[in-house]
Amino acid sequence: MANIKSAKKRILVIKTKTARNKAIKSKVKTMIKKVEAAIAANDKELAKKCLIDAISEIDKARSKGVFHKNTAARKVSQITKAVNSIQ
């Protein structure tokens, strides 16, 4: 355990940031799973609606620094391509 006051504070700050990042990542994963479920069900309208929500969450995560910009772009590209492939 840290003895220095600033080190103790850093531990608390890191714990808070880790919890926030974990919640944001979890929400993004959930949104992506909803899109994939709609794709599996061949429901194009639901997939498009879920895609918009998922892209929004990914962009929020990127703006908060949870995801690197290229990672966010890759995720958006992959799910958009999958939705567009539905007949």
N, C-alpha and C. Protein backbone atom coordinates (compact mmCIF):
# COMPACT_ATOMS: atom_id res chain seq x y z
N MET A 1 0.85 -1.19 0.00
CA MET A 1 0.00 0.00 0.00
C MET A 1 0.88 1.24 0.00
N ALA A 2 0.43 2.26 -0.70
CA ALA A 2 1.20 3.49 -0.82
C ALA A 2 1.21 4.27 0.49
N ASN A 3 2.32 4.92 0.78
CA ASN A 3 2.45 5.74 1.97
C ASN A 3 2.29 7.23 1.65
N ILE A 4 2.63 7.60 0.44
CA ILE A 4 2.62 9.01 0.05
C ILE A 4 1.19 9.43 -0.31
N LYS A 5 0.82 10.62 0.13
CA LYS A 5 -0.54 11.11 -0.06
C LYS A 5 -0.94 11.16 -1.53
N SER A 6 -0.06 11.64 -2.40
CA SER A 6 -0.37 11.74 -3.82
C SER A 6 -0.55 10.36 -4.45
N ALA A 7 0.22 9.39 -3.99
CA ALA A 7 0.10 8.02 -4.51
C ALA A 7 -1.24 7.41 -4.10
N LYS A 8 -1.68 7.72 -2.87
CA LYS A 8 -2.99 7.23 -2.41
C LYS A 8 -4.11 7.83 -3.26
N LYS A 9 -3.96 9.12 -3.57
CA LYS A 9 -4.96 9.78 -4.40
C LYS A 9 -4.98 9.15 -5.79
N ARG A 10 -3.81 8.90 -6.36
CA ARG A 10 -3.75 8.30 -7.70
C ARG A 10 -4.45 6.95 -7.71
N ILE A 11 -4.31 6.16 -6.65
CA ILE A 11 -4.98 4.86 -6.57
C ILE A 11 -6.50 5.05 -6.64
N LEU A 12 -7.01 6.03 -5.90
CA LEU A 12 -8.45 6.29 -5.91
C LEU A 12 -8.93 6.77 -7.27
N VAL A 13 -8.16 7.67 -7.88
CA VAL A 13 -8.54 8.21 -9.19
C VAL A 13 -8.54 7.11 -10.25
N ILE A 14 -7.52 6.27 -10.21
CA ILE A 14 -7.43 5.17 -11.18
C ILE A 14 -8.60 4.20 -11.01
N LYS A 15 -8.98 3.93 -9.77
CA LYS A 15 -10.11 3.04 -9.51
C LYS A 15 -11.40 3.61 -10.10
N THR A 16 -11.60 4.91 -9.93
CA THR A 16 -12.78 5.58 -10.47
C THR A 16 -12.79 5.54 -11.99
N LYS A 17 -11.65 5.87 -12.60
CA LYS A 17 -11.56 5.87 -14.06
C LYS A 17 -11.75 4.47 -14.63
N THR A 18 -11.20 3.46 -13.95
CA THR A 18 -11.33 2.09 -14.41
C THR A 18 -12.78 1.66 -14.41
N ALA A 19 -13.51 2.02 -13.37
CA ALA A 19 -14.93 1.67 -13.28
C ALA A 19 -15.72 2.35 -14.40
N ARG A 20 -15.41 3.62 -14.66
CA ARG A 20 -16.11 4.36 -15.71
C ARG A 20 -15.82 3.76 -17.08
N ASN A 21 -14.56 3.47 -17.35
CA ASN A 21 -14.18 2.89 -18.63
C ASN A 21 -14.81 1.52 -18.84
N LYS A 22 -14.85 0.73 -17.77
CA LYS A 22 -15.43 -0.61 -17.85
C LYS A 22 -16.92 -0.53 -18.19
N ALA A 23 -17.63 0.41 -17.57
CA ALA A 23 -19.06 0.57 -17.84
C ALA A 23 -19.30 1.00 -19.29
N ILE A 24 -18.47 1.92 -19.77
CA ILE A 24 -18.62 2.41 -21.15
C ILE A 24 -18.34 1.29 -22.14
N LYS A 25 -17.26 0.53 -21.92
CA LYS A 25 -16.92 -0.59 -22.81
C LYS A 25 -18.03 -1.64 -22.82
N SER A 26 -18.59 -1.90 -21.65
CA SER A 26 -19.67 -2.88 -21.54
C SER A 26 -20.89 -2.43 -22.34
N LYS A 27 -21.22 -1.15 -22.26
CA LYS A 27 -22.37 -0.63 -22.99
C LYS A 27 -22.16 -0.74 -24.49
N VAL A 28 -20.94 -0.44 -24.94
CA VAL A 28 -20.62 -0.55 -26.37
C VAL A 28 -20.77 -2.01 -26.82
N LYS A 29 -20.25 -2.94 -26.03
CA LYS A 29 -20.36 -4.36 -26.39
C LYS A 29 -21.81 -4.79 -26.47
N THR A 30 -22.64 -4.32 -25.54
CA THR A 30 -24.06 -4.66 -25.54
C THR A 30 -24.74 -4.15 -26.80
N MET A 31 -24.43 -2.91 -27.18
CA MET A 31 -25.02 -2.33 -28.39
C MET A 31 -24.62 -3.11 -29.64
N ILE A 32 -23.35 -3.52 -29.69
CA ILE A 32 -22.87 -4.29 -30.84
C ILE A 32 -23.58 -5.65 -30.89
N LYS A 33 -23.78 -6.26 -29.72
CA LYS A 33 -24.48 -7.54 -29.67
C LYS A 33 -25.92 -7.40 -30.15
N LYS A 34 -26.58 -6.28 -29.85
CA LYS A 34 -27.95 -6.05 -30.31
C LYS A 34 -27.99 -5.97 -31.83
N VAL A 35 -27.00 -5.30 -32.41
CA VAL A 35 -26.92 -5.20 -33.87
C VAL A 35 -26.71 -6.60 -34.47
N GLU A 36 -25.80 -7.37 -33.88
CA GLU A 36 -25.53 -8.71 -34.39
C GLU A 36 -26.74 -9.63 -34.26
N ALA A 37 -27.52 -9.46 -33.19
CA ALA A 37 -28.73 -10.27 -33.01
C ALA A 37 -29.76 -9.93 -34.08
N ALA A 38 -29.89 -8.65 -34.40
CA ALA A 38 -30.82 -8.23 -35.45
C ALA A 38 -30.38 -8.74 -36.80
N ILE A 39 -29.07 -8.77 -37.04
CA ILE A 39 -28.53 -9.31 -38.29
C ILE A 39 -28.82 -10.80 -38.39
N ALA A 40 -28.63 -11.51 -37.28
CA ALA A 40 -28.89 -12.96 -37.27
C ALA A 40 -30.36 -13.26 -37.52
N ALA A 41 -31.24 -12.35 -37.07
CA ALA A 41 -32.68 -12.53 -37.28
C ALA A 41 -33.14 -12.02 -38.65
N ASN A 42 -32.21 -11.49 -39.45
CA ASN A 42 -32.51 -10.92 -40.76
C ASN A 42 -33.53 -9.79 -40.71
N ASP A 43 -33.51 -9.02 -39.64
CA ASP A 43 -34.41 -7.88 -39.47
C ASP A 43 -33.65 -6.60 -39.80
N LYS A 44 -33.76 -6.17 -41.05
CA LYS A 44 -32.97 -5.04 -41.52
C LYS A 44 -33.34 -3.74 -40.83
N GLU A 45 -34.64 -3.51 -40.60
CA GLU A 45 -35.07 -2.27 -39.96
C GLU A 45 -34.54 -2.16 -38.54
N LEU A 46 -34.67 -3.26 -37.78
CA LEU A 46 -34.17 -3.26 -36.40
C LEU A 46 -32.65 -3.12 -36.39
N ALA A 47 -31.99 -3.77 -37.34
CA ALA A 47 -30.53 -3.70 -37.42
C ALA A 47 -30.08 -2.26 -37.68
N LYS A 48 -30.78 -1.56 -38.57
CA LYS A 48 -30.41 -0.17 -38.87
C LYS A 48 -30.62 0.72 -37.65
N LYS A 49 -31.72 0.49 -36.94
CA LYS A 49 -32.00 1.28 -35.74
C LYS A 49 -30.93 1.03 -34.67
N CYS A 50 -30.61 -0.24 -34.46
CA CYS A 50 -29.58 -0.59 -33.47
C CYS A 50 -28.21 -0.10 -33.91
N LEU A 51 -27.96 -0.08 -35.21
CA LEU A 51 -26.69 0.41 -35.74
C LEU A 51 -26.47 1.87 -35.38
N ILE A 52 -27.51 2.68 -35.52
CA ILE A 52 -27.40 4.10 -35.19
C ILE A 52 -27.07 4.28 -33.72
N ASP A 53 -27.76 3.50 -32.85
CA ASP A 53 -27.49 3.58 -31.41
C ASP A 53 -26.06 3.13 -31.09
N ALA A 54 -25.62 2.07 -31.74
CA ALA A 54 -24.28 1.53 -31.49
C ALA A 54 -23.21 2.52 -31.93
N ILE A 55 -23.39 3.13 -33.09
CA ILE A 55 -22.42 4.10 -33.58
C ILE A 55 -22.34 5.29 -32.63
N SER A 56 -23.48 5.70 -32.12
CA SER A 56 -23.52 6.80 -31.16
C SER A 56 -22.72 6.47 -29.91
N GLU A 57 -22.91 5.27 -29.37
CA GLU A 57 -22.18 4.86 -28.16
C GLU A 57 -20.68 4.73 -28.43
N ILE A 58 -20.32 4.20 -29.59
CA ILE A 58 -18.90 4.06 -29.94
C ILE A 58 -18.25 5.44 -30.04
N ASP A 59 -18.96 6.38 -30.66
CA ASP A 59 -18.41 7.74 -30.78
C ASP A 59 -18.27 8.42 -29.43
N LYS A 60 -19.23 8.19 -28.54
CA LYS A 60 -19.13 8.74 -27.18
C LYS A 60 -17.92 8.16 -26.46
N ALA A 61 -17.71 6.85 -26.61
CA ALA A 61 -16.56 6.21 -25.97
C ALA A 61 -15.25 6.76 -26.53
N ARG A 62 -15.23 7.01 -27.83
CA ARG A 62 -14.02 7.56 -28.45
C ARG A 62 -13.75 8.97 -27.94
N SER A 63 -14.80 9.77 -27.84
CA SER A 63 -14.61 11.15 -27.40
C SER A 63 -14.17 11.23 -25.94
N LYS A 64 -14.52 10.21 -25.14
CA LYS A 64 -14.12 10.19 -23.73
C LYS A 64 -12.75 9.54 -23.53
N GLY A 65 -12.16 9.05 -24.62
CA GLY A 65 -10.83 8.49 -24.53
C GLY A 65 -10.79 7.02 -24.15
N VAL A 66 -11.94 6.36 -24.18
CA VAL A 66 -11.99 4.93 -23.84
C VAL A 66 -11.43 4.11 -25.00
N PHE A 67 -11.79 4.51 -26.23
CA PHE A 67 -11.28 3.83 -27.42
C PHE A 67 -10.40 4.78 -28.21
N HIS A 68 -9.36 4.23 -28.84
CA HIS A 68 -8.56 4.99 -29.79
C HIS A 68 -9.42 5.26 -31.02
N LYS A 69 -9.13 6.35 -31.72
CA LYS A 69 -9.98 6.73 -32.86
C LYS A 69 -10.01 5.66 -33.94
N ASN A 70 -8.89 4.98 -34.17
CA ASN A 70 -8.87 3.93 -35.20
C ASN A 70 -9.67 2.70 -34.76
N THR A 71 -9.64 2.40 -33.48
CA THR A 71 -10.43 1.28 -32.96
C THR A 71 -11.91 1.57 -33.13
N ALA A 72 -12.31 2.78 -32.81
CA ALA A 72 -13.71 3.17 -32.95
C ALA A 72 -14.13 3.11 -34.42
N ALA A 73 -13.28 3.60 -35.30
CA ALA A 73 -13.58 3.59 -36.74
C ALA A 73 -13.71 2.15 -37.24
N ARG A 74 -12.83 1.28 -36.77
CA ARG A 74 -12.88 -0.13 -37.19
C ARG A 74 -14.17 -0.80 -36.74
N LYS A 75 -14.56 -0.55 -35.50
CA LYS A 75 -15.80 -1.14 -34.98
C LYS A 75 -17.02 -0.66 -35.77
N VAL A 76 -17.06 0.64 -36.03
CA VAL A 76 -18.18 1.21 -36.80
C VAL A 76 -18.21 0.60 -38.20
N SER A 77 -17.05 0.50 -38.81
CA SER A 77 -16.97 -0.05 -40.17
C SER A 77 -17.44 -1.49 -40.22
N GLN A 78 -17.02 -2.29 -39.25
CA GLN A 78 -17.39 -3.71 -39.24
C GLN A 78 -18.89 -3.91 -39.08
N ILE A 79 -19.50 -3.20 -38.14
CA ILE A 79 -20.94 -3.42 -37.94
C ILE A 79 -21.76 -2.81 -39.07
N THR A 80 -21.29 -1.70 -39.65
CA THR A 80 -21.99 -1.10 -40.78
C THR A 80 -21.94 -2.04 -41.98
N LYS A 81 -20.80 -2.62 -42.21
CA LYS A 81 -20.64 -3.58 -43.33
C LYS A 81 -21.56 -4.78 -43.13
N ALA A 82 -21.66 -5.25 -41.90
CA ALA A 82 -22.51 -6.41 -41.60
C ALA A 82 -23.98 -6.08 -41.82
N VAL A 83 -24.40 -4.89 -41.41
CA VAL A 83 -25.81 -4.48 -41.60
C VAL A 83 -26.11 -4.32 -43.09
N ASN A 84 -25.18 -3.75 -43.83
CA ASN A 84 -25.39 -3.55 -45.26
C ASN A 84 -25.41 -4.86 -46.05
N SER A 85 -24.89 -5.93 -45.46
CA SER A 85 -24.85 -7.21 -46.16
C SER A 85 -26.17 -7.98 -46.06
N ILE A 86 -27.10 -7.49 -45.23
CA ILE A 86 -28.42 -8.17 -45.11
C ILE A 86 -29.19 -7.96 -46.42
N GLN A 87 -29.80 -9.03 -46.88
CA GLN A 87 -30.57 -8.95 -48.13
C GLN A 87 -31.87 -8.21 -47.91
